[in-house]
Protein backbone atom coordinates (compact mmCIF):
# COMPACT_ATOMS: atom_id res chain seq x y z
CA MET A 1 117.54 -1.01 -63.69
CA THR A 2 118.04 2.59 -61.28
CA THR A 3 116.00 4.68 -59.34
CA VAL A 4 117.26 8.51 -58.89
CA LEU A 5 116.47 9.98 -55.65
CA ALA A 6 116.84 13.96 -55.34
CA LEU A 7 116.67 16.29 -52.41
CA ALA A 8 117.31 20.59 -52.01
CA GLY A 9 119.06 22.43 -49.53
CA ALA A 10 120.18 22.13 -45.52
CA MET A 11 121.43 24.21 -42.71
CA LEU A 12 123.38 25.15 -39.22
CA ALA A 13 121.84 24.46 -36.00
CA PRO A 14 121.33 26.91 -33.38
CA ALA A 15 122.63 26.73 -30.17
CA ALA A 16 122.20 23.26 -28.23
CA GLN A 17 122.11 22.51 -24.50
CA ALA A 18 124.63 19.36 -23.55
CA GLY A 19 126.51 17.67 -20.67
CA THR A 20 128.15 14.49 -19.72
CA ILE A 21 127.54 12.31 -16.38
CA HIS A 22 129.61 9.30 -15.23
CA PRO A 23 126.90 7.01 -13.82
CA THR A 24 127.37 3.20 -12.54
CA VAL A 25 125.29 1.01 -15.23
CA HIS A 26 123.97 -2.49 -14.68
CA CYS A 27 123.76 -4.19 -18.11
CA VAL A 28 121.73 -7.69 -19.26
CA LEU A 29 123.90 -9.59 -21.91
CA PRO A 30 122.05 -11.57 -24.06
CA ALA A 31 121.79 -15.61 -24.03
CA GLY A 32 122.42 -15.94 -20.28
CA GLN A 33 125.88 -14.37 -20.81
CA GLY A 34 125.86 -12.61 -17.40
CA ASP A 35 124.69 -9.07 -15.81
CA PRO A 36 127.87 -6.89 -15.27
CA SER A 37 128.00 -3.55 -13.67
CA GLY A 38 130.55 -0.82 -14.35
CA PRO A 39 130.76 2.91 -14.82
CA GLN A 40 130.29 4.76 -18.32
CA ASP A 41 130.28 8.31 -19.43
CA ILE A 42 127.19 9.49 -21.07
CA THR A 43 127.22 12.80 -23.44
CA VAL A 44 123.84 14.11 -24.76
CA GLU A 45 123.40 17.07 -26.53
CA LEU A 46 119.94 18.47 -27.09
CA SER A 47 119.00 21.50 -29.38
CA PRO A 48 117.40 23.58 -30.04
CA ALA A 49 117.84 25.24 -26.52
CA THR A 50 114.51 26.72 -26.45
CA VAL A 51 111.40 24.63 -28.12
CA ALA A 52 107.44 25.33 -28.31
CA PRO A 53 105.31 23.03 -26.24
CA GLY A 54 105.02 19.95 -28.26
CA GLY A 55 107.66 20.67 -30.34
CA LYS A 56 110.36 18.27 -31.78
CA VAL A 57 114.16 18.26 -30.18
CA HIS A 58 117.30 16.69 -31.91
CA ALA A 59 119.55 14.72 -29.83
CA LYS A 60 123.24 13.82 -30.15
CA VAL A 61 124.20 10.66 -27.55
CA THR A 62 127.60 9.75 -27.42
CA LEU A 63 128.22 6.90 -25.04
CA GLY A 64 131.89 5.74 -23.49
CA PRO A 65 132.87 2.46 -23.19
CA GLY A 66 130.57 0.50 -20.64
CA PRO A 67 130.80 -3.11 -18.77
CA ALA A 68 129.06 -4.93 -21.88
CA THR A 69 131.41 -7.47 -23.50
CA SER A 70 131.06 -10.72 -25.63
CA PRO A 71 132.83 -14.02 -25.54
CA PHE A 72 133.06 -13.72 -29.55
CA LYS A 73 134.80 -11.52 -31.79
CA LEU A 74 131.82 -10.59 -34.51
CA ASP A 75 131.92 -8.17 -37.56
CA ASP A 76 129.56 -6.08 -39.09
CA VAL A 77 126.72 -6.72 -36.39
CA PRO A 78 123.26 -4.80 -36.95
CA SER A 79 123.32 -2.75 -34.13
CA THR A 80 120.27 -0.14 -33.39
CA PRO A 81 121.13 2.00 -30.06
CA SER A 82 118.26 3.83 -27.96
CA ILE A 83 118.69 5.58 -24.78
CA ASP A 84 115.50 6.74 -22.16
CA LEU A 85 115.44 10.60 -20.80
CA VAL A 86 113.25 10.82 -18.01
CA MET A 87 111.99 14.54 -17.85
CA SER A 88 111.61 16.90 -14.57
CA GLY A 89 110.97 20.63 -13.79
CA GLY A 90 108.74 21.58 -16.80
CA ALA A 91 107.34 18.11 -17.55
CA THR A 92 107.20 14.73 -16.66
CA GLY A 93 107.39 11.20 -18.37
CA LYS A 94 110.02 9.80 -20.48
CA VAL A 95 111.27 10.12 -23.67
CA THR A 96 113.28 7.55 -26.28
CA VAL A 97 116.28 8.62 -28.47
CA GLN A 98 116.57 5.73 -31.08
CA GLY A 99 119.58 5.94 -33.53
CA PRO A 100 119.63 4.26 -36.98
CA THR A 101 120.57 0.59 -37.21
CA VAL A 102 124.39 0.56 -38.06
CA LEU A 103 126.98 -2.03 -38.55
CA VAL A 104 129.18 -2.60 -35.32
CA ASP A 105 132.34 -4.79 -35.21
CA VAL A 106 132.12 -6.45 -31.67
CA PRO A 107 135.47 -7.03 -30.06
CA ALA A 108 136.18 -10.31 -27.75
CA ALA A 109 136.37 -9.92 -24.04
CA PRO A 110 137.88 -8.15 -22.03
CA ALA A 111 137.54 -5.49 -24.53
CA PRO A 112 134.44 -3.19 -23.93
CA ILE A 113 131.54 -3.11 -27.01
CA VAL A 114 131.77 0.70 -27.80
CA ILE A 115 128.67 1.87 -29.89
CA PRO A 116 129.46 4.59 -32.16
CA PRO A 117 127.66 8.27 -31.62
CA TYR A 118 124.05 8.44 -33.01
CA GLU A 119 121.34 10.92 -33.36
CA GLY A 120 117.62 11.09 -33.04
CA ASP A 121 114.79 13.32 -32.42
CA PHE A 122 112.00 13.18 -29.57
CA PHE A 123 108.89 15.30 -28.71
CA VAL A 124 108.31 17.46 -25.61
CA PRO A 125 104.90 17.12 -24.09
CA ALA A 126 102.62 19.49 -25.45
CA ASN A 127 101.76 20.79 -21.75
CA ALA A 128 105.54 21.38 -21.11
CA SER A 129 106.45 24.88 -19.67
CA GLY A 130 109.47 26.15 -18.52
CA PRO A 131 113.12 24.47 -18.20
CA VAL A 132 112.45 20.82 -19.00
CA GLN A 133 115.48 18.55 -17.51
CA PHE A 134 116.52 15.72 -18.79
CA THR A 135 117.93 12.33 -17.00
CA PRO A 136 119.43 9.47 -18.58
CA VAL A 137 118.16 6.23 -16.97
CA LYS A 138 118.38 3.37 -19.69
CA MET A 139 120.30 2.57 -22.67
CA ASN A 140 119.39 -0.51 -24.94
CA THR A 141 121.11 -2.19 -28.08
CA ALA A 142 119.24 -4.17 -30.15
CA THR A 143 121.38 -6.61 -32.22
CA VAL A 144 120.93 -9.07 -34.98
CA VAL A 145 123.27 -12.02 -34.70
CA PHE A 146 123.26 -15.45 -36.46
CA GLY A 147 119.75 -14.48 -37.65
CA GLY A 148 118.58 -14.13 -34.11
CA ASN A 149 116.81 -10.59 -32.41
CA TYR A 150 118.96 -9.68 -28.95
CA ASN A 151 118.72 -6.53 -26.60
CA THR A 152 121.04 -5.58 -24.03
CA PRO A 153 119.64 -3.34 -21.57
CA CYS A 154 121.80 -1.15 -19.29
CA ASP A 155 120.64 0.65 -16.57
CA VAL A 156 121.77 3.60 -14.57
CA VAL A 157 121.81 2.27 -10.96
CA SER A 158 123.80 5.15 -9.28
CA GLY A 159 125.75 8.53 -10.12
CA GLY A 160 123.43 9.59 -12.58
CA GLY A 161 121.77 13.27 -13.13
CA VAL A 162 120.41 15.70 -15.24
CA VAL A 163 122.48 15.78 -18.60
CA ALA A 164 120.94 18.62 -20.21
CA THR A 165 117.98 21.21 -20.39
CA VAL A 166 115.74 22.57 -22.74
CA THR A 167 113.12 25.47 -22.48
CA ALA A 168 109.77 25.09 -23.69
CA GLN A 169 108.13 28.21 -24.10
CA GLY A 170 105.67 29.82 -26.43
CA GLY A 171 102.25 28.38 -27.85
CA GLY A 172 102.23 25.27 -28.99
CA GLY A 173 100.01 24.27 -31.81
CA THR A 174 96.95 21.90 -32.19
CA GLU A 175 97.71 18.95 -29.82
CA ALA A 176 97.51 15.55 -31.94
CA THR A 177 96.16 12.62 -30.44
CA VAL A 178 95.92 8.82 -30.89
CA SER A 179 93.52 6.09 -30.16
CA ALA A 180 94.28 2.44 -29.79
CA PRO A 181 91.79 -0.60 -28.85
CA SER A 182 91.36 -0.54 -24.90
CA GLY A 183 90.99 -4.36 -24.57
CA PRO A 184 94.27 -6.47 -25.37
CA VAL A 185 95.63 -7.43 -28.60
CA LYS A 186 97.77 -10.40 -29.66
CA PRO A 187 101.62 -10.24 -31.30
CA SER A 188 101.46 -10.64 -34.70
CA THR A 189 98.37 -9.01 -35.49
CA SER A 190 97.00 -5.72 -37.02
CA VAL A 191 96.06 -2.91 -34.85
CA THR A 192 93.71 -0.29 -35.82
CA LEU A 193 94.51 3.59 -34.68
CA SER A 194 93.09 6.37 -35.12
CA GLY A 195 93.42 10.25 -34.07
CA GLY A 196 93.47 14.04 -34.77
CA GLY A 197 95.10 17.23 -34.82
CA TRP A 198 98.07 15.85 -37.21
CA THR A 199 99.87 17.64 -39.81
CA PRO A 200 97.90 17.39 -42.99
CA GLY A 201 99.10 14.85 -45.65
CA ALA A 202 102.25 14.07 -43.80
CA ALA A 203 103.57 10.64 -43.50
CA ALA A 204 102.72 9.02 -39.98
CA ARG A 205 105.63 6.63 -38.12
CA ALA A 206 104.74 3.89 -35.43
CA SER A 207 106.76 2.26 -32.82
CA LEU A 208 106.20 0.45 -29.43
CA CYS A 209 107.41 1.97 -26.10
CA ASP A 210 107.40 0.73 -22.53
CA ALA A 211 104.14 1.62 -20.61
CA GLY A 212 105.76 4.73 -19.07
CA GLY A 213 106.73 5.83 -22.50
CA GLY A 214 110.27 4.74 -22.72
CA GLY A 215 112.01 2.31 -24.72
CA CYS A 216 110.29 2.99 -28.00
CA ASP A 217 111.10 0.41 -30.55
CA ALA A 218 110.34 0.88 -34.14
CA THR A 219 111.25 -2.86 -35.31
CA LYS A 220 108.43 -4.06 -32.98
CA VAL A 221 105.74 -2.54 -35.61
CA THR A 222 106.68 -4.52 -38.58
CA GLY A 223 103.96 -2.92 -41.00
CA SER A 224 102.01 0.15 -41.15
CA SER A 225 98.95 1.50 -43.11
CA LEU A 226 98.97 4.49 -41.14
CA LYS A 227 97.86 8.01 -43.29
CA ILE A 228 97.13 11.18 -42.56
CA ASP A 229 94.03 12.87 -44.18
CA ALA A 230 94.12 16.56 -45.21
CA SER A 231 92.09 17.37 -42.41
CA GLY A 232 94.81 16.36 -39.82
CA GLY A 233 92.87 12.73 -39.29
CA LEU A 234 94.87 9.75 -38.82
CA SER A 235 93.55 6.08 -39.73
CA GLY A 236 94.91 2.93 -40.73
CA ALA A 237 96.71 0.14 -38.89
CA ILE A 238 99.90 -1.30 -37.87
CA ASP A 239 101.12 -4.72 -37.52
CA LEU A 240 102.98 -6.08 -34.27
CA ALA A 241 105.84 -8.26 -34.50
CA ASP A 242 105.56 -11.87 -32.83
CA SER A 243 105.73 -13.21 -29.65
CA TRP A 244 108.97 -13.93 -29.27
CA THR A 245 109.84 -10.10 -30.18
CA ILE A 246 106.67 -8.73 -27.65
CA ALA A 247 106.22 -10.24 -24.55
CA ASP A 248 102.74 -9.88 -22.15
CA GLY A 249 102.50 -6.80 -20.97
CA SER A 250 101.29 -2.89 -20.73
CA TYR A 251 103.16 -0.97 -23.59
CA SER A 252 102.30 2.46 -25.45
CA VAL A 253 102.18 3.26 -29.04
CA GLN A 254 103.84 5.90 -30.02
CA VAL A 255 102.89 7.85 -33.37
CA SER A 256 104.93 10.67 -35.03
CA ASP A 257 104.36 12.75 -38.40
CA GLY A 258 107.90 14.54 -38.32
CA ALA A 259 106.42 17.79 -36.42
CA LYS A 260 104.02 15.92 -34.11
CA GLN A 261 103.90 13.18 -31.64
CA ALA A 262 101.52 11.11 -29.14
CA LYS A 263 100.88 8.07 -27.42
CA ALA A 264 98.10 6.01 -26.43
CA PRO A 265 98.11 2.81 -24.04
CA LEU A 266 98.07 -0.86 -25.50
CA GLN A 267 97.90 -4.12 -23.77
CA VAL A 268 99.72 -6.90 -25.37
CA LYS A 269 98.58 -10.54 -24.32
CA ALA A 270 99.68 -13.53 -26.70
CA TYR A 271 96.98 -16.36 -27.40
CA VAL A 272 96.31 -18.55 -24.40
CA PRO A 273 95.54 -22.16 -25.40
CA ALA A 274 91.86 -23.03 -24.48
CA GLY A 275 92.40 -26.49 -23.59
CA PRO A 276 94.82 -29.57 -24.22
CA TYR A 277 96.68 -30.09 -27.42
CA GLU A 278 94.51 -31.54 -30.24
CA LEU A 279 96.23 -33.33 -32.99
CA THR A 280 94.65 -34.92 -35.86
CA ALA A 281 96.25 -36.94 -38.77
CA SER A 282 93.99 -37.05 -41.71
CA PRO A 283 93.76 -39.80 -42.93
CA ASP A 284 95.11 -42.34 -40.08
CA HIS A 285 95.99 -44.84 -42.51
CA GLY A 286 97.41 -45.53 -45.53
CA PRO A 287 100.53 -47.20 -47.25
CA VAL A 288 104.12 -45.93 -47.49
CA GLY A 289 104.26 -42.53 -49.86
CA THR A 290 100.40 -41.57 -48.69
CA VAL A 291 100.66 -37.52 -48.00
CA ILE A 292 98.44 -36.79 -44.95
CA THR A 293 97.36 -33.69 -43.22
CA VAL A 294 98.70 -33.25 -39.82
CA SER A 295 96.70 -30.26 -37.98
CA GLY A 296 96.07 -29.24 -34.05
CA LYS A 297 94.86 -26.52 -31.96
CA ASN A 298 95.56 -25.03 -28.58
CA TYR A 299 99.11 -24.81 -29.16
CA HIS A 300 100.86 -21.44 -28.21
CA GLN A 301 100.74 -18.96 -31.00
CA ASP A 302 104.36 -18.10 -33.07
CA GLN A 303 105.74 -21.33 -32.18
CA GLN A 304 107.80 -23.57 -34.89
CA LEU A 305 106.51 -26.84 -34.13
CA ASN A 306 108.53 -30.26 -34.46
CA VAL A 307 106.38 -32.47 -36.59
CA VAL A 308 107.80 -36.34 -36.54
CA ALA A 309 106.72 -39.76 -36.85
CA LEU A 310 107.63 -42.32 -34.18
CA ASP A 311 107.99 -45.97 -34.46
CA ALA A 312 106.22 -48.65 -32.22
CA ASN A 313 108.78 -48.02 -29.17
CA GLY A 314 108.55 -44.47 -29.28
CA TYR A 315 111.68 -43.64 -31.12
CA THR A 316 111.99 -40.64 -33.52
CA LEU A 317 112.20 -41.55 -37.04
CA ASP A 318 114.32 -38.16 -37.61
CA ASP A 319 113.98 -38.18 -41.33
CA THR A 320 110.51 -37.51 -41.29
CA ALA A 321 110.59 -34.26 -39.51
CA VAL A 322 108.88 -30.94 -41.06
CA TYR A 323 108.55 -27.73 -38.60
CA PRO A 324 105.30 -25.63 -39.49
CA SER A 325 104.76 -22.71 -37.19
CA THR A 326 101.47 -21.93 -35.45
CA THR A 327 98.87 -19.04 -36.11
CA THR A 328 97.82 -16.30 -33.86
CA ASP A 329 95.02 -18.28 -32.89
CA GLY A 330 97.44 -21.56 -31.88
CA THR A 331 96.41 -23.70 -34.75
CA PHE A 332 98.39 -25.38 -37.66
CA THR A 333 98.04 -27.37 -40.64
CA THR A 334 100.80 -28.94 -42.36
CA GLU A 335 101.68 -31.92 -45.07
CA PHE A 336 103.33 -35.00 -44.00
CA THR A 337 104.89 -37.72 -45.95
CA ILE A 338 104.40 -41.47 -44.71
CA SER A 339 107.99 -42.42 -45.81
CA ASP A 340 108.79 -45.41 -43.57
CA PRO A 341 106.93 -48.86 -43.01
CA ALA A 342 108.24 -48.65 -39.25
CA ILE A 343 105.93 -45.62 -38.46
CA ALA A 344 103.19 -45.81 -35.73
CA PHE A 345 102.70 -42.06 -34.49
CA ILE A 346 102.63 -38.84 -35.52
CA HIS A 347 104.37 -36.69 -33.02
CA THR A 348 104.40 -32.74 -32.27
CA ASP A 349 106.24 -30.55 -29.90
CA GLU A 350 106.63 -26.93 -29.14
CA GLY A 351 110.30 -26.69 -30.21
CA GLY A 352 111.30 -29.56 -28.13
CA VAL A 353 110.38 -27.84 -25.00
CA GLU A 354 109.54 -30.29 -22.26
CA GLY A 355 105.89 -31.08 -21.67
CA THR A 356 104.58 -29.88 -25.04
CA GLU A 357 104.86 -33.43 -26.67
CA THR A 358 101.52 -34.80 -27.83
CA LYS A 359 101.00 -38.06 -30.78
CA VAL A 360 98.40 -39.56 -32.68
CA PRO A 361 98.77 -43.31 -33.79
CA PHE A 362 98.90 -44.13 -37.61
CA THR A 363 98.84 -47.39 -39.48
CA VAL A 364 100.65 -48.21 -42.19
CA THR A 365 98.98 -50.32 -44.65
CA THR A 366 100.08 -52.63 -47.40
CA GLY A 367 98.66 -53.64 -50.85
CA PRO A 368 96.69 -56.55 -51.62
CA GLY A 369 98.59 -60.34 -51.26
CA PRO A 370 100.02 -62.24 -53.99
CA GLY A 371 97.00 -63.67 -56.43
CA GLU A 372 94.64 -61.08 -55.13
CA GLY A 373 93.29 -58.27 -57.03
CA GLY A 374 95.13 -56.52 -59.99
CA THR A 375 96.65 -53.71 -61.32
CA GLY A 376 96.84 -51.47 -64.37
CA THR A 377 98.97 -48.48 -65.52
CA GLN A 378 98.29 -45.71 -67.75
CA ARG A 379 101.24 -42.74 -68.14
CA PHE A 380 100.45 -39.11 -68.03
CA THR A 381 102.89 -37.15 -69.62
CA PHE A 382 103.31 -33.30 -70.28
CA SER A 383 105.99 -30.69 -70.81
CA VAL A 384 106.97 -27.54 -68.69
CA THR A 385 109.12 -24.62 -70.43
CA PRO A 386 110.92 -22.82 -67.83
CA GLY A 387 110.75 -18.79 -68.17
CA PRO A 388 112.72 -15.74 -67.03
CA LEU A 389 113.86 -14.37 -63.50
CA SER A 390 112.75 -10.72 -63.94
CA MET A 391 111.85 -7.59 -61.89
CA SER A 392 109.60 -4.33 -62.82
CA GLN A 393 109.04 -1.24 -61.00
CA SER A 394 106.08 0.89 -60.71
CA GLY A 395 108.42 4.47 -61.34
CA ALA A 396 111.99 5.50 -61.60
CA GLU A 397 112.41 8.77 -59.20
CA VAL A 398 112.02 9.04 -55.62
CA ASN A 399 111.69 12.65 -54.66
CA PHE A 400 112.55 13.73 -51.03
CA GLY A 401 111.15 17.06 -51.65
CA THR A 402 112.59 20.24 -50.48
CA VAL A 403 114.72 20.70 -47.03
CA GLN A 404 114.56 24.41 -45.79
CA LEU A 405 117.82 25.68 -44.49
CA ASP A 406 117.34 26.43 -40.93
CA GLY A 407 120.49 25.52 -39.14
CA SER A 408 120.02 22.06 -38.41
CA SER A 409 120.27 18.41 -39.85
CA HIS A 410 117.41 16.73 -40.86
CA ASP A 411 115.62 13.13 -41.40
CA VAL A 412 113.78 13.13 -44.40
CA PRO A 413 111.31 9.75 -44.75
CA GLY A 414 110.53 8.43 -48.28
CA ALA A 415 109.59 5.12 -49.78
CA LEU A 416 111.18 2.88 -52.67
CA ASN A 417 108.88 2.57 -55.68
CA PRO A 418 107.26 -0.65 -55.23
CA ILE A 419 109.43 -3.73 -57.00
CA GLN A 420 107.82 -7.08 -58.40
CA VAL A 421 110.33 -9.95 -58.71
CA SER A 422 109.03 -13.09 -60.85
CA ASP A 423 110.91 -16.29 -61.00
CA ALA A 424 109.38 -18.52 -63.60
CA ARG A 425 112.70 -20.40 -63.90
CA GLY A 426 111.20 -23.72 -62.28
CA SER A 427 114.45 -24.42 -60.42
CA ALA A 428 115.51 -24.49 -56.73
CA ALA A 429 118.22 -21.62 -57.28
CA GLY A 430 116.30 -18.95 -55.69
CA TRP A 431 117.72 -15.38 -55.98
CA SER A 432 118.89 -12.03 -54.41
CA LEU A 433 118.01 -8.52 -55.18
CA THR A 434 120.35 -5.84 -53.55
CA GLY A 435 120.98 -2.20 -54.14
CA THR A 436 124.07 0.45 -54.31
CA LEU A 437 124.00 4.01 -54.09
CA THR A 438 126.23 6.77 -55.29
CA ASP A 439 127.36 10.12 -53.32
CA PHE A 440 124.93 12.90 -54.00
CA THR A 441 126.14 15.26 -56.39
CA ALA A 442 124.76 19.15 -56.91
CA ALA A 443 123.26 19.66 -60.29
CA GLY A 444 124.68 21.83 -62.56
CA GLY A 445 128.14 20.99 -61.78
CA GLY A 446 128.57 21.89 -58.01
CA THR A 447 131.16 20.42 -56.14
CA ALA A 448 129.19 19.86 -52.88
CA VAL A 449 128.65 15.87 -52.30
CA ILE A 450 126.54 14.13 -49.70
CA PRO A 451 127.88 10.62 -49.23
CA ALA A 452 125.52 7.67 -50.17
CA GLY A 453 125.15 6.96 -46.48
CA ALA A 454 123.01 9.99 -45.71
CA VAL A 455 120.11 7.67 -47.06
CA SER A 456 119.16 4.18 -45.09
CA TRP A 457 116.16 1.73 -45.84
CA THR A 458 114.07 -0.43 -44.01
CA PRO A 459 113.47 -3.42 -46.57
CA ALA A 460 110.29 -5.56 -46.60
CA CYS A 461 108.97 -8.24 -48.90
CA ALA A 462 106.38 -10.50 -49.24
CA ALA A 463 105.27 -13.53 -51.72
CA HIS A 464 102.15 -13.47 -53.66
CA ALA A 465 99.95 -16.63 -52.36
CA ASP A 466 100.83 -19.26 -55.19
CA ALA A 467 104.55 -18.74 -54.87
CA ILE A 468 106.86 -21.13 -53.23
CA GLY A 469 109.66 -20.30 -50.74
CA THR A 470 109.65 -17.52 -48.36
CA PRO A 471 111.29 -14.66 -49.02
CA THR A 472 113.63 -12.54 -46.77
CA ALA A 473 113.77 -9.13 -46.27
CA GLY A 474 117.35 -7.23 -46.20
CA ALA A 475 118.59 -5.58 -42.81
CA PRO A 476 117.99 -2.01 -42.18
CA GLY A 477 120.64 0.00 -42.60
CA ALA A 478 122.87 2.64 -44.81
CA LEU A 479 123.12 2.54 -48.51
CA GLY A 480 126.54 3.08 -50.56
CA ALA A 481 128.72 1.27 -53.05
CA THR A 482 128.55 -2.06 -51.11
CA PRO A 483 125.51 -4.09 -52.29
CA ALA A 484 122.94 -3.87 -49.65
CA GLY A 485 120.17 -6.96 -49.41
CA LEU A 486 116.52 -5.67 -50.25
CA CYS A 487 115.00 -9.24 -50.44
CA GLU A 488 116.36 -12.70 -51.03
CA LEU A 489 114.73 -15.94 -51.76
CA PRO A 490 116.61 -18.64 -50.39
CA ALA A 491 117.54 -21.42 -52.65
CA GLY A 492 115.26 -24.73 -52.28
CA GLY A 493 117.89 -27.20 -51.25
CA GLY A 494 116.30 -29.69 -53.88
CA GLN A 495 112.98 -28.00 -53.77
CA VAL A 496 111.40 -25.93 -56.52
CA VAL A 497 111.03 -22.36 -55.42
CA GLY A 498 109.65 -19.46 -57.42
CA GLY A 499 106.80 -17.00 -58.17
CA VAL A 500 106.03 -13.57 -57.69
CA VAL A 501 107.18 -11.33 -54.89
CA ASP A 502 106.85 -7.68 -54.09
CA ALA A 503 109.73 -5.96 -52.62
CA SER A 504 109.58 -2.35 -50.90
CA ALA A 505 111.46 -0.14 -48.31
CA GLY A 506 111.06 2.82 -46.22
CA LEU A 507 113.91 5.41 -46.85
CA ASN A 508 115.30 8.03 -44.77
CA LEU A 509 117.41 10.91 -45.77
CA HIS A 510 119.69 12.45 -43.16
CA THR A 511 120.57 15.67 -44.65
CA PRO A 512 123.57 17.63 -43.22
CA ALA A 513 123.36 20.62 -41.08
CA VAL A 514 125.91 22.68 -43.46
CA ILE A 515 125.38 22.46 -46.96
CA PRO A 516 124.90 24.73 -50.31
CA GLY A 517 121.43 25.04 -51.34
CA GLY A 518 120.55 23.39 -54.52
CA ASN A 519 119.50 20.22 -56.06
CA TYR A 520 120.89 17.03 -55.49
CA ALA A 521 120.61 13.69 -56.82
CA ALA A 522 122.02 9.93 -56.57
CA THR A 523 121.55 6.90 -58.50
CA LEU A 524 120.18 3.64 -56.77
CA THR A 525 121.23 0.53 -58.95
CA LEU A 526 118.96 -2.25 -58.09
CA SER A 527 120.46 -5.65 -59.07
CA LEU A 528 118.72 -8.93 -59.26
CA SER A 529 120.76 -12.16 -59.36
């Protein structure tokens, strides 16, 4: 099954402003590995040299070796770098340049971790006027290691300074606006946004920044229904990441349509339990084999719980454990099988954190004694015929449109045609959906080639309500000849998994600055196994 991607044209960049500083930076390594300080070269190239107020600036960032190290050698670590620049002179505030997610080979200490050069865009304020100086103040690298999300922030503590200057002049267009709720919102929830003055029909993208406008991170927004209508009105909502990713505090939500950008303040505060834990087992008695419902409230949100049985002495019966997660309002419900006659209590705790334990009694009952009562059996039977593992897609072409040559490289957004995977096999096998992409070639036999890695995707997948198993989206990153994961339904480990899963991906095409005009195409092959 294939999808064809097409584009046309690209160009050369105008004059840029660049500089290098040699500051001392202080880094905080993840997982309590330390907080080293040391020198690090920072080079930033900004283009164009002159921009209209509210206009877009392209940045190329090159970082020298810094003090951050890893105790372990790790290969192909998904890494998303960013840098915060403080403005002075013709504008104030802070902007963030975030690069794409790339795979980095991390050496073991004492060798330093070196992030490859990266590029990104930002917008100067709509009220900018005259020369605007940019001073690096903080770098951050977001990584995914062993399934966990980690950040390595490095602050400039001395020896910094202005690294580049851009002049804002001319008349700016209509200023875009965005509004967010004035009251606090919870992580893992949808947040409604609105606004005006946007580019009609353009695609709106959102990220979450710190209160000062820096540290912008698109990964803290896990979904979006934002759209811009024909009159430039913005509507829709964004989905925030969970409370493990977004701590309580003051933030700003940033929206961009590729030509304009605006921010709005946003307060995030996770659910606070209204009282002590309330745990219920229903029923609270029954023989071995009984399936009961365990539910609770007044837990912290987004917590994975340990729900396990205890014997009369309070010892854990490990083979009974299940691991549900709490909702955004601190509640949970799960089924629990009474599998051991020694069960005397049902216990919960928030991931083993001390002080979060609670329990309720359960009585294991027995059947009638010898000579009492009676039994009878009737055997019920039926047959199930397994079905296939299959996929379908809503279209076979993604058109990135036309890129106008103007001397700069471009990032062009797009979206993969929605895909639906149906697993009717009735097995515990699970499945994996991957994609490979050919290089772009020019139509009509031209020799120009754009490497497949110019396209990156951000996968997403969601199971239908009656599916069994939790699908996992692939890691964001560049496409190419090596299969990249779009969506996976892990094997059930003895439990049947299957049903219908929807898969999709946001796309980004990075066009070269210099390339012959014409039509280009590449083929994406999606493989389900």
